[in-house]
Protein backbone atom coordinates (compact mmCIF):
# COMPACT_ATOMS: atom_id res chain seq x y z
CA UNK A 1 0.00 0.00 0.00
CA UNK A 2 2.84 2.41 0.78
CA UNK A 3 4.41 2.19 -2.67
CA UNK A 4 1.04 2.23 -4.41
CA UNK A 5 0.04 5.35 -2.50
CA UNK A 6 3.00 7.13 -4.09
CA UNK A 7 1.72 6.51 -7.61
CA UNK A 8 0.03 9.40 -9.43
CA UNK A 9 -3.75 9.09 -9.38
CA UNK A 10 -3.95 8.11 -13.08
CA UNK A 11 -1.56 5.21 -12.54
CA UNK A 12 -3.52 4.11 -9.49
CA UNK A 13 -6.59 3.79 -11.72
CA UNK A 14 -4.67 1.65 -14.21
CA UNK A 15 -3.21 -0.46 -11.40
CA UNK A 16 -6.65 -1.09 -9.91
CA UNK A 17 -7.95 -2.29 -13.28
CA UNK A 18 -5.03 -4.74 -13.34
CA UNK A 19 -6.08 -6.20 -9.99
CA UNK A 20 -4.01 -4.14 -7.59
CA UNK A 21 -6.16 -2.98 -4.67
CA UNK A 22 -6.77 0.76 -4.45
CA UNK A 23 -4.36 2.52 -2.14
CA UNK A 24 -4.18 5.85 -0.46
CA UNK A 25 -1.91 7.24 2.21
CA UNK A 26 -4.69 6.71 4.76
CA UNK A 27 -5.14 3.07 3.74
CA UNK A 28 -1.41 2.43 3.90
CA UNK A 29 -1.26 4.05 7.34
CA UNK A 30 -4.18 1.89 8.49
CA UNK A 31 -2.30 -1.27 7.46
CA UNK A 32 0.94 -0.14 9.11
CA UNK A 33 -0.93 0.72 12.31
CA UNK A 34 -2.60 -2.67 12.26
CA UNK A 35 0.74 -4.48 11.82
CA UNK A 36 2.41 -2.86 14.84
CA UNK A 37 3.37 -5.49 17.39
CA UNK A 38 2.83 -8.40 15.05
CA UNK A 39 5.58 -8.34 12.47
CA UNK A 40 8.79 -8.18 14.48
CA UNK A 41 9.83 -5.25 12.30
CA UNK A 42 8.18 -2.43 14.22
CA UNK A 43 11.20 -0.15 13.86
CA UNK A 44 10.75 -0.19 10.07
CA UNK A 45 6.98 0.13 10.41
CA UNK A 46 7.50 3.30 12.46
CA UNK A 47 9.77 4.68 9.73
CA UNK A 48 7.07 4.12 7.11
CA UNK A 49 4.46 5.57 9.47
CA UNK A 50 6.65 8.69 9.76
CA UNK A 51 6.85 9.01 5.97
CA UNK A 52 3.10 8.66 5.55
CA UNK A 53 2.20 10.93 8.46
CA UNK A 54 4.63 13.55 7.21
CA UNK A 55 3.09 13.35 3.74
CA UNK A 56 -0.36 13.76 5.33
CA UNK A 57 1.00 16.82 7.17
CA UNK A 58 0.37 15.21 10.57
CA UNK A 59 3.70 16.45 11.86
CA UNK A 60 3.26 15.80 15.59
CA UNK A 61 2.19 12.21 14.95
CA UNK A 62 5.09 11.82 12.50
CA UNK A 63 7.54 13.03 15.14
CA UNK A 64 6.07 10.57 17.64
CA UNK A 65 6.55 7.72 15.12
CA UNK A 66 10.26 8.58 14.94
CA UNK A 67 10.51 8.65 18.74
CA UNK A 68 8.69 5.31 18.99
CA UNK A 69 10.95 3.76 16.36
CA UNK A 70 14.11 4.94 18.10
CA UNK A 71 12.88 3.56 21.43
CA UNK A 72 12.69 0.05 19.97
CA UNK A 73 15.72 -2.24 20.19
CA UNK A 74 17.68 -3.27 17.12
CA UNK A 75 16.62 -6.90 16.69
CA UNK A 76 17.56 -7.75 13.11
CA UNK A 77 20.56 -6.67 11.00
CA UNK A 78 18.08 -4.88 8.75
CA UNK A 79 17.08 -2.69 11.71
CA UNK A 80 20.47 -0.94 11.82
CA UNK A 81 20.06 1.18 8.64
CA UNK A 82 16.47 1.93 9.64
CA UNK A 83 17.68 3.09 13.05
CA UNK A 84 20.30 5.30 11.42
CA UNK A 85 17.67 6.84 9.13
CA UNK A 86 15.43 7.52 12.13
CA UNK A 87 18.34 9.27 13.87
CA UNK A 88 18.91 11.48 10.80
CA UNK A 89 15.23 12.34 10.72
CA UNK A 90 15.19 13.15 14.43
CA UNK A 91 18.23 15.39 14.03
CA UNK A 92 16.39 17.35 11.34
CA UNK A 93 13.57 18.39 13.73
C-alpha atoms as a PDB file:
ATOM      1  CA  UNK A   1       0.000   0.000   0.000  1.00  0.00           C
ATOM      2  CA  UNK A   2       2.836   2.412   0.782  1.00  0.00           C
ATOM      3  CA  UNK A   3       4.407   2.193  -2.674  1.00  0.00           C
ATOM      4  CA  UNK A   4       1.037   2.233  -4.407  1.00  0.00           C
ATOM      5  CA  UNK A   5       0.037   5.346  -2.504  1.00  0.00           C
ATOM      6  CA  UNK A   6       2.995   7.134  -4.090  1.00  0.00           C
ATOM      7  CA  UNK A   7       1.716   6.511  -7.610  1.00  0.00           C
ATOM      8  CA  UNK A   8       0.031   9.397  -9.432  1.00  0.00           C
ATOM      9  CA  UNK A   9      -3.753   9.091  -9.381  1.00  0.00           C
ATOM     10  CA  UNK A  10      -3.946   8.108 -13.076  1.00  0.00           C
ATOM     11  CA  UNK A  11      -1.560   5.208 -12.539  1.00  0.00           C
ATOM     12  CA  UNK A  12      -3.516   4.109  -9.485  1.00  0.00           C
ATOM     13  CA  UNK A  13      -6.585   3.786 -11.719  1.00  0.00           C
ATOM     14  CA  UNK A  14      -4.669   1.646 -14.209  1.00  0.00           C
ATOM     15  CA  UNK A  15      -3.214  -0.458 -11.403  1.00  0.00           C
ATOM     16  CA  UNK A  16      -6.651  -1.093  -9.906  1.00  0.00           C
ATOM     17  CA  UNK A  17      -7.949  -2.286 -13.276  1.00  0.00           C
ATOM     18  CA  UNK A  18      -5.028  -4.742 -13.341  1.00  0.00           C
ATOM     19  CA  UNK A  19      -6.078  -6.196  -9.989  1.00  0.00           C
ATOM     20  CA  UNK A  20      -4.011  -4.137  -7.592  1.00  0.00           C
ATOM     21  CA  UNK A  21      -6.155  -2.977  -4.670  1.00  0.00           C
ATOM     22  CA  UNK A  22      -6.766   0.759  -4.453  1.00  0.00           C
ATOM     23  CA  UNK A  23      -4.360   2.519  -2.143  1.00  0.00           C
ATOM     24  CA  UNK A  24      -4.182   5.851  -0.458  1.00  0.00           C
ATOM     25  CA  UNK A  25      -1.907   7.241   2.214  1.00  0.00           C
ATOM     26  CA  UNK A  26      -4.694   6.712   4.762  1.00  0.00           C
ATOM     27  CA  UNK A  27      -5.144   3.068   3.740  1.00  0.00           C
ATOM     28  CA  UNK A  28      -1.410   2.428   3.900  1.00  0.00           C
ATOM     29  CA  UNK A  29      -1.264   4.051   7.335  1.00  0.00           C
ATOM     30  CA  UNK A  30      -4.178   1.887   8.492  1.00  0.00           C
ATOM     31  CA  UNK A  31      -2.300  -1.266   7.464  1.00  0.00           C
ATOM     32  CA  UNK A  32       0.938  -0.143   9.109  1.00  0.00           C
ATOM     33  CA  UNK A  33      -0.926   0.718  12.315  1.00  0.00           C
ATOM     34  CA  UNK A  34      -2.603  -2.665  12.262  1.00  0.00           C
ATOM     35  CA  UNK A  35       0.736  -4.478  11.816  1.00  0.00           C
ATOM     36  CA  UNK A  36       2.406  -2.865  14.840  1.00  0.00           C
ATOM     37  CA  UNK A  37       3.369  -5.487  17.386  1.00  0.00           C
ATOM     38  CA  UNK A  38       2.830  -8.401  15.054  1.00  0.00           C
ATOM     39  CA  UNK A  39       5.576  -8.338  12.468  1.00  0.00           C
ATOM     40  CA  UNK A  40       8.787  -8.176  14.483  1.00  0.00           C
ATOM     41  CA  UNK A  41       9.830  -5.248  12.300  1.00  0.00           C
ATOM     42  CA  UNK A  42       8.176  -2.433  14.220  1.00  0.00           C
ATOM     43  CA  UNK A  43      11.196  -0.152  13.862  1.00  0.00           C
ATOM     44  CA  UNK A  44      10.755  -0.192  10.069  1.00  0.00           C
ATOM     45  CA  UNK A  45       6.979   0.129  10.414  1.00  0.00           C
ATOM     46  CA  UNK A  46       7.496   3.295  12.464  1.00  0.00           C
ATOM     47  CA  UNK A  47       9.772   4.680   9.731  1.00  0.00           C
ATOM     48  CA  UNK A  48       7.072   4.120   7.109  1.00  0.00           C
ATOM     49  CA  UNK A  49       4.461   5.570   9.470  1.00  0.00           C
ATOM     50  CA  UNK A  50       6.648   8.687   9.760  1.00  0.00           C
ATOM     51  CA  UNK A  51       6.855   9.006   5.969  1.00  0.00           C
ATOM     52  CA  UNK A  52       3.104   8.665   5.553  1.00  0.00           C
ATOM     53  CA  UNK A  53       2.203  10.931   8.455  1.00  0.00           C
ATOM     54  CA  UNK A  54       4.633  13.554   7.208  1.00  0.00           C
ATOM     55  CA  UNK A  55       3.087  13.348   3.738  1.00  0.00           C
ATOM     56  CA  UNK A  56      -0.360  13.758   5.327  1.00  0.00           C
ATOM     57  CA  UNK A  57       1.004  16.822   7.171  1.00  0.00           C
ATOM     58  CA  UNK A  58       0.371  15.210  10.571  1.00  0.00           C
ATOM     59  CA  UNK A  59       3.696  16.448  11.863  1.00  0.00           C
ATOM     60  CA  UNK A  60       3.261  15.797  15.588  1.00  0.00           C
ATOM     61  CA  UNK A  61       2.190  12.208  14.952  1.00  0.00           C
ATOM     62  CA  UNK A  62       5.093  11.817  12.504  1.00  0.00           C
ATOM     63  CA  UNK A  63       7.542  13.033  15.135  1.00  0.00           C
ATOM     64  CA  UNK A  64       6.067  10.566  17.643  1.00  0.00           C
ATOM     65  CA  UNK A  65       6.547   7.722  15.122  1.00  0.00           C
ATOM     66  CA  UNK A  66      10.262   8.577  14.944  1.00  0.00           C
ATOM     67  CA  UNK A  67      10.513   8.647  18.739  1.00  0.00           C
ATOM     68  CA  UNK A  68       8.692   5.307  18.992  1.00  0.00           C
ATOM     69  CA  UNK A  69      10.947   3.760  16.360  1.00  0.00           C
ATOM     70  CA  UNK A  70      14.112   4.942  18.098  1.00  0.00           C
ATOM     71  CA  UNK A  71      12.875   3.559  21.426  1.00  0.00           C
ATOM     72  CA  UNK A  72      12.688   0.053  19.970  1.00  0.00           C
ATOM     73  CA  UNK A  73      15.721  -2.235  20.195  1.00  0.00           C
ATOM     74  CA  UNK A  74      17.682  -3.269  17.122  1.00  0.00           C
ATOM     75  CA  UNK A  75      16.618  -6.897  16.686  1.00  0.00           C
ATOM     76  CA  UNK A  76      17.562  -7.746  13.111  1.00  0.00           C
ATOM     77  CA  UNK A  77      20.557  -6.671  11.000  1.00  0.00           C
ATOM     78  CA  UNK A  78      18.079  -4.879   8.747  1.00  0.00           C
ATOM     79  CA  UNK A  79      17.081  -2.689  11.712  1.00  0.00           C
ATOM     80  CA  UNK A  80      20.470  -0.937  11.821  1.00  0.00           C
ATOM     81  CA  UNK A  81      20.063   1.182   8.638  1.00  0.00           C
ATOM     82  CA  UNK A  82      16.466   1.925   9.638  1.00  0.00           C
ATOM     83  CA  UNK A  83      17.683   3.086  13.052  1.00  0.00           C
ATOM     84  CA  UNK A  84      20.302   5.304  11.423  1.00  0.00           C
ATOM     85  CA  UNK A  85      17.670   6.843   9.133  1.00  0.00           C
ATOM     86  CA  UNK A  86      15.431   7.520  12.135  1.00  0.00           C
ATOM     87  CA  UNK A  87      18.343   9.274  13.871  1.00  0.00           C
ATOM     88  CA  UNK A  88      18.911  11.475  10.798  1.00  0.00           C
ATOM     89  CA  UNK A  89      15.228  12.339  10.722  1.00  0.00           C
ATOM     90  CA  UNK A  90      15.187  13.152  14.429  1.00  0.00           C
ATOM     91  CA  UNK A  91      18.235  15.388  14.025  1.00  0.00           C
ATOM     92  CA  UNK A  92      16.387  17.353  11.339  1.00  0.00           C
ATOM     93  CA  UNK A  93      13.573  18.393  13.727  1.00  0.00           C
END
